[in-house]
Amino acid sequence: MMMPLFSNSPNALNEFCVDLKQRCYYYSPTFATTFTLYLFTFAMSMLAAPDFFFGPSSIVPLFDSALTYQTTFLARCVGLCLLALVVGRKIGIREFVWLWQALAFNVTTLALFLSATLSASAGFTLWVLIAQDVVSSLLLVFNLRSLWLYDPDLDDGDMDRAEATIYSRMVIDETSFV
């Protein structure tokens, strides 16, 4: 249970902040979880049937004409690469390293999608590319926010050490309130 901010304890503010930080880190959907689900969805759809999911008659018509054998092959290769990112996160790549890997991926894909959006004769459906640009921009902001808020002391699962570290960072000088 979260400790109330105003209590008789001299460390009430510190205890409240530690508890809040732990709840935000452990109970909120993180960027890693959200982005892993996003990548997994695209990986499975590209591996299974890229023409069905992204062809001209699909719900998300990324391409304005039917995919050839070569484009289907390349889409499946991209799906396999996306799946490798997902599997890497699930088999033990530390979150901090994976966040930097995701940042490189997000910057690169945003640049590629923006260049396709600005190229009118690229063979893509424009509204899908604009929607992808918006989603990629939001993912990039979410990724940067996660790197900025990242706390390595909370990543290793040792809550006692994490709590001690947060306490040491948040010690409030009692004379500053006078």
Foldseek 3Di string as FASTA:
>chain_A
DQQDQDDPDPCSVLSNVLVVLLCCVPPDQALLNVVLVVLLVQLVCLQPPVCQPAPCPHPNPFFVHGDDPVRSVVSNVVSVVSVVLNVVVVVDDFPLVSLVVVLVVLVVVLVVLVVCLVDPPNRTDNVSSVVVNVVSVVSNVSSVVCNVPDDVQPRVPPSVSVSVVSCVVPPDDPVVVD
